[in-house]
């Protein structure tokens, strides 16, 4: 007989991430820098009932043009659930970012890990797109 039983265990975010081989650093009361192996850091912020995830891919000023923006928007359809965006909180330093958010109500371990996996895959896609522009 092959019967499986699902169980539920609740763990705080930092403990869960560290148990899954992520390094965490608290940058502010509601902001964590999370890193797995040699991947780019993911900035996780808490706001009410939501977690916001952001990966900074760098300043986009030197390579930004209509063609690149079109390619990034087109690539958004392939990197779901994450998406490309511009963080313009410092207008003199616009940053290309990957973003995602999740509600914290009933957030499962698999759902959280899937966000980090999706961000990692999207970073790989971004590097493939941006590398020729940076070397060019």
C-alpha atoms as a PDB file:
ATOM      1  CA  UNK A   1       0.000   0.000   0.000  1.00  0.00           C
ATOM      2  CA  UNK A   2       1.416   3.413  -1.006  1.00  0.00           C
ATOM      3  CA  UNK A   3      -0.408   6.075   0.994  1.00  0.00           C
ATOM      4  CA  UNK A   4       1.024   9.548   1.519  1.00  0.00           C
ATOM      5  CA  UNK A   5      -0.029  11.971   4.209  1.00  0.00           C
ATOM      6  CA  UNK A   6       0.473  15.730   3.857  1.00  0.00           C
ATOM      7  CA  UNK A   7       1.499  17.534   7.012  1.00  0.00           C
ATOM      8  CA  UNK A   8       1.738  21.198   7.785  1.00  0.00           C
ATOM      9  CA  UNK A   9       4.446  22.805   9.856  1.00  0.00           C
ATOM     10  CA  UNK A  10       4.789  26.541  10.385  1.00  0.00           C
ATOM     11  CA  UNK A  11       8.232  28.150  10.494  1.00  0.00           C
ATOM     12  CA  UNK A  12       9.298  31.772  10.472  1.00  0.00           C
ATOM     13  CA  UNK A  13      10.717  33.079   7.188  1.00  0.00           C
ATOM     14  CA  UNK A  14      14.378  33.460   8.180  1.00  0.00           C
ATOM     15  CA  UNK A  15      14.565  30.036   9.820  1.00  0.00           C
ATOM     16  CA  UNK A  16      12.905  28.420   6.805  1.00  0.00           C
ATOM     17  CA  UNK A  17      15.281  30.110   4.349  1.00  0.00           C
ATOM     18  CA  UNK A  18      18.363  29.188   6.353  1.00  0.00           C
ATOM     19  CA  UNK A  19      17.150  25.566   6.619  1.00  0.00           C
ATOM     20  CA  UNK A  20      17.006  25.568   2.806  1.00  0.00           C
ATOM     21  CA  UNK A  21      20.597  26.773   2.323  1.00  0.00           C
ATOM     22  CA  UNK A  22      19.893  30.478   1.870  1.00  0.00           C
ATOM     23  CA  UNK A  23      22.014  33.112   3.573  1.00  0.00           C
ATOM     24  CA  UNK A  24      19.976  35.918   5.087  1.00  0.00           C
ATOM     25  CA  UNK A  25      20.913  39.376   6.286  1.00  0.00           C
ATOM     26  CA  UNK A  26      18.478  41.804   7.864  1.00  0.00           C
ATOM     27  CA  UNK A  27      19.055  45.236   6.289  1.00  0.00           C
ATOM     28  CA  UNK A  28      16.157  47.040   7.952  1.00  0.00           C
ATOM     29  CA  UNK A  29      13.195  46.125  10.122  1.00  0.00           C
ATOM     30  CA  UNK A  30      11.230  44.926   7.100  1.00  0.00           C
ATOM     31  CA  UNK A  31      13.958  44.182   4.522  1.00  0.00           C
ATOM     32  CA  UNK A  32      16.085  41.046   4.100  1.00  0.00           C
ATOM     33  CA  UNK A  33      18.890  40.328   1.665  1.00  0.00           C
ATOM     34  CA  UNK A  34      18.645  36.654   0.747  1.00  0.00           C
ATOM     35  CA  UNK A  35      21.259  34.764  -1.217  1.00  0.00           C
ATOM     36  CA  UNK A  36      21.615  31.172  -2.355  1.00  0.00           C
ATOM     37  CA  UNK A  37      25.042  29.920  -3.379  1.00  0.00           C
ATOM     38  CA  UNK A  38      26.578  32.289  -5.956  1.00  0.00           C
ATOM     39  CA  UNK A  39      23.274  33.734  -7.215  1.00  0.00           C
ATOM     40  CA  UNK A  40      22.464  37.441  -7.160  1.00  0.00           C
ATOM     41  CA  UNK A  41      20.904  38.556  -3.877  1.00  0.00           C
ATOM     42  CA  UNK A  42      17.145  38.806  -3.603  1.00  0.00           C
ATOM     43  CA  UNK A  43      15.809  41.687  -1.537  1.00  0.00           C
ATOM     44  CA  UNK A  44      12.675  40.653   0.326  1.00  0.00           C
ATOM     45  CA  UNK A  45      10.523  43.280   1.971  1.00  0.00           C
ATOM     46  CA  UNK A  46       7.453  42.835   4.153  1.00  0.00           C
ATOM     47  CA  UNK A  47       4.509  45.178   3.902  1.00  0.00           C
ATOM     48  CA  UNK A  48       1.307  44.250   5.668  1.00  0.00           C
ATOM     49  CA  UNK A  49       0.129  40.927   4.254  1.00  0.00           C
ATOM     50  CA  UNK A  50       2.601  40.807   1.355  1.00  0.00           C
ATOM     51  CA  UNK A  51       6.172  39.848   0.623  1.00  0.00           C
ATOM     52  CA  UNK A  52       7.903  41.722  -2.197  1.00  0.00           C
ATOM     53  CA  UNK A  53      10.921  40.217  -3.962  1.00  0.00           C
ATOM     54  CA  UNK A  54      13.420  42.209  -6.036  1.00  0.00           C
ATOM     55  CA  UNK A  55      16.661  41.290  -7.811  1.00  0.00           C
ATOM     56  CA  UNK A  56      18.807  44.238  -8.919  1.00  0.00           C
ATOM     57  CA  UNK A  57      20.312  43.578 -12.363  1.00  0.00           C
ATOM     58  CA  UNK A  58      22.165  46.903 -12.500  1.00  0.00           C
ATOM     59  CA  UNK A  59      22.014  50.390 -13.924  1.00  0.00           C
ATOM     60  CA  UNK A  60      20.330  50.370 -17.310  1.00  0.00           C
ATOM     61  CA  UNK A  61      21.189  53.909 -18.513  1.00  0.00           C
ATOM     62  CA  UNK A  62      24.067  52.987 -20.840  1.00  0.00           C
ATOM     63  CA  UNK A  63      22.145  50.326 -22.786  1.00  0.00           C
ATOM     64  CA  UNK A  64      18.538  51.503 -22.538  1.00  0.00           C
ATOM     65  CA  UNK A  65      16.721  52.002 -25.813  1.00  0.00           C
ATOM     66  CA  UNK A  66      13.364  51.175 -27.362  1.00  0.00           C
ATOM     67  CA  UNK A  67      14.616  47.842 -28.738  1.00  0.00           C
ATOM     68  CA  UNK A  68      15.846  46.676 -25.322  1.00  0.00           C
ATOM     69  CA  UNK A  69      12.612  47.685 -23.610  1.00  0.00           C
ATOM     70  CA  UNK A  70      10.624  45.776 -26.246  1.00  0.00           C
ATOM     71  CA  UNK A  71      12.782  42.674 -25.720  1.00  0.00           C
ATOM     72  CA  UNK A  72      12.382  42.918 -21.937  1.00  0.00           C
ATOM     73  CA  UNK A  73       8.611  43.269 -22.200  1.00  0.00           C
ATOM     74  CA  UNK A  74       8.526  40.327 -24.592  1.00  0.00           C
ATOM     75  CA  UNK A  75      10.689  38.290 -22.215  1.00  0.00           C
ATOM     76  CA  UNK A  76       8.213  39.019 -19.391  1.00  0.00           C
ATOM     77  CA  UNK A  77       5.861  36.493 -20.987  1.00  0.00           C
ATOM     78  CA  UNK A  78       8.534  33.810 -20.657  1.00  0.00           C
ATOM     79  CA  UNK A  79       9.733  34.438 -17.095  1.00  0.00           C
ATOM     80  CA  UNK A  80       6.381  34.359 -15.316  1.00  0.00           C
ATOM     81  CA  UNK A  81       5.562  34.597 -12.456  1.00  0.00           C
ATOM     82  CA  UNK A  82       8.364  37.167 -12.084  1.00  0.00           C
ATOM     83  CA  UNK A  83       8.699  40.203 -14.314  1.00  0.00           C
ATOM     84  CA  UNK A  84      11.205  42.824 -15.391  1.00  0.00           C
ATOM     85  CA  UNK A  85      10.778  46.383 -14.206  1.00  0.00           C
ATOM     86  CA  UNK A  86      12.651  49.616 -13.650  1.00  0.00           C
ATOM     87  CA  UNK A  87      13.355  50.776 -10.103  1.00  0.00           C
ATOM     88  CA  UNK A  88      13.449  54.529 -10.508  1.00  0.00           C
ATOM     89  CA  UNK A  89      13.553  55.436  -6.812  1.00  0.00           C
ATOM     90  CA  UNK A  90      16.801  57.292  -7.632  1.00  0.00           C
ATOM     91  CA  UNK A  91      16.135  58.894 -11.049  1.00  0.00           C
ATOM     92  CA  UNK A  92      19.851  59.480 -11.648  1.00  0.00           C
ATOM     93  CA  UNK A  93      20.451  55.728 -11.232  1.00  0.00           C
ATOM     94  CA  UNK A  94      17.608  53.747 -12.876  1.00  0.00           C
ATOM     95  CA  UNK A  95      17.956  50.031 -12.113  1.00  0.00           C
ATOM     96  CA  UNK A  96      16.725  47.081 -14.139  1.00  0.00           C
ATOM     97  CA  UNK A  97      15.077  44.722 -11.674  1.00  0.00           C
ATOM     98  CA  UNK A  98      13.181  41.467 -11.495  1.00  0.00           C
ATOM     99  CA  UNK A  99      10.154  41.645  -9.221  1.00  0.00           C
ATOM    100  CA  UNK A 100       7.531  39.373  -7.725  1.00  0.00           C
ATOM    101  CA  UNK A 101       5.157  39.489  -4.772  1.00  0.00           C
ATOM    102  CA  UNK A 102       3.236  36.988  -2.667  1.00  0.00           C
ATOM    103  CA  UNK A 103       0.546  37.324  -0.065  1.00  0.00           C
ATOM    104  CA  UNK A 104       1.644  35.884   3.252  1.00  0.00           C
ATOM    105  CA  UNK A 105      -1.724  34.341   4.143  1.00  0.00           C
ATOM    106  CA  UNK A 106      -1.235  30.586   3.829  1.00  0.00           C
ATOM    107  CA  UNK A 107       2.119  30.898   2.026  1.00  0.00           C
ATOM    108  CA  UNK A 108       3.485  27.390   1.499  1.00  0.00           C
ATOM    109  CA  UNK A 109       7.083  26.244   1.487  1.00  0.00           C
ATOM    110  CA  UNK A 110       6.848  25.099  -2.130  1.00  0.00           C
ATOM    111  CA  UNK A 111       5.331  28.402  -3.248  1.00  0.00           C
ATOM    112  CA  UNK A 112       8.105  30.388  -1.575  1.00  0.00           C
ATOM    113  CA  UNK A 113      10.875  28.203  -2.993  1.00  0.00           C
ATOM    114  CA  UNK A 114       9.271  28.445  -6.451  1.00  0.00           C
ATOM    115  CA  UNK A 115       9.632  32.245  -6.335  1.00  0.00           C
ATOM    116  CA  UNK A 116      13.373  31.941  -5.743  1.00  0.00           C
ATOM    117  CA  UNK A 117      13.687  29.330  -8.514  1.00  0.00           C
ATOM    118  CA  UNK A 118      11.743  31.555 -10.934  1.00  0.00           C
ATOM    119  CA  UNK A 119      13.940  34.539 -10.084  1.00  0.00           C
ATOM    120  CA  UNK A 120      17.072  32.448 -10.671  1.00  0.00           C
ATOM    121  CA  UNK A 121      15.833  31.306 -14.091  1.00  0.00           C
ATOM    122  CA  UNK A 122      14.850  34.866 -15.030  1.00  0.00           C
ATOM    123  CA  UNK A 123      18.329  36.126 -14.079  1.00  0.00           C
ATOM    124  CA  UNK A 124      19.794  33.563 -16.479  1.00  0.00           C
ATOM    125  CA  UNK A 125      17.469  34.784 -19.251  1.00  0.00           C
ATOM    126  CA  UNK A 126      18.385  38.406 -18.494  1.00  0.00           C
ATOM    127  CA  UNK A 127      22.109  37.629 -18.641  1.00  0.00           C
ATOM    128  CA  UNK A 128      21.655  35.986 -22.051  1.00  0.00           C
ATOM    129  CA  UNK A 129      19.828  39.077 -23.325  1.00  0.00           C
ATOM    130  CA  UNK A 130      22.089  41.706 -21.768  1.00  0.00           C
ATOM    131  CA  UNK A 131      25.537  40.141 -22.232  1.00  0.00           C
ATOM    132  CA  UNK A 132      25.844  41.016 -25.943  1.00  0.00           C
ATOM    133  CA  UNK A 133      24.806  44.610 -25.207  1.00  0.00           C
ATOM    134  CA  UNK A 134      27.356  44.954 -22.423  1.00  0.00           C
ATOM    135  CA  UNK A 135      30.156  43.464 -24.535  1.00  0.00           C
ATOM    136  CA  UNK A 136      29.156  45.340 -27.666  1.00  0.00           C
END
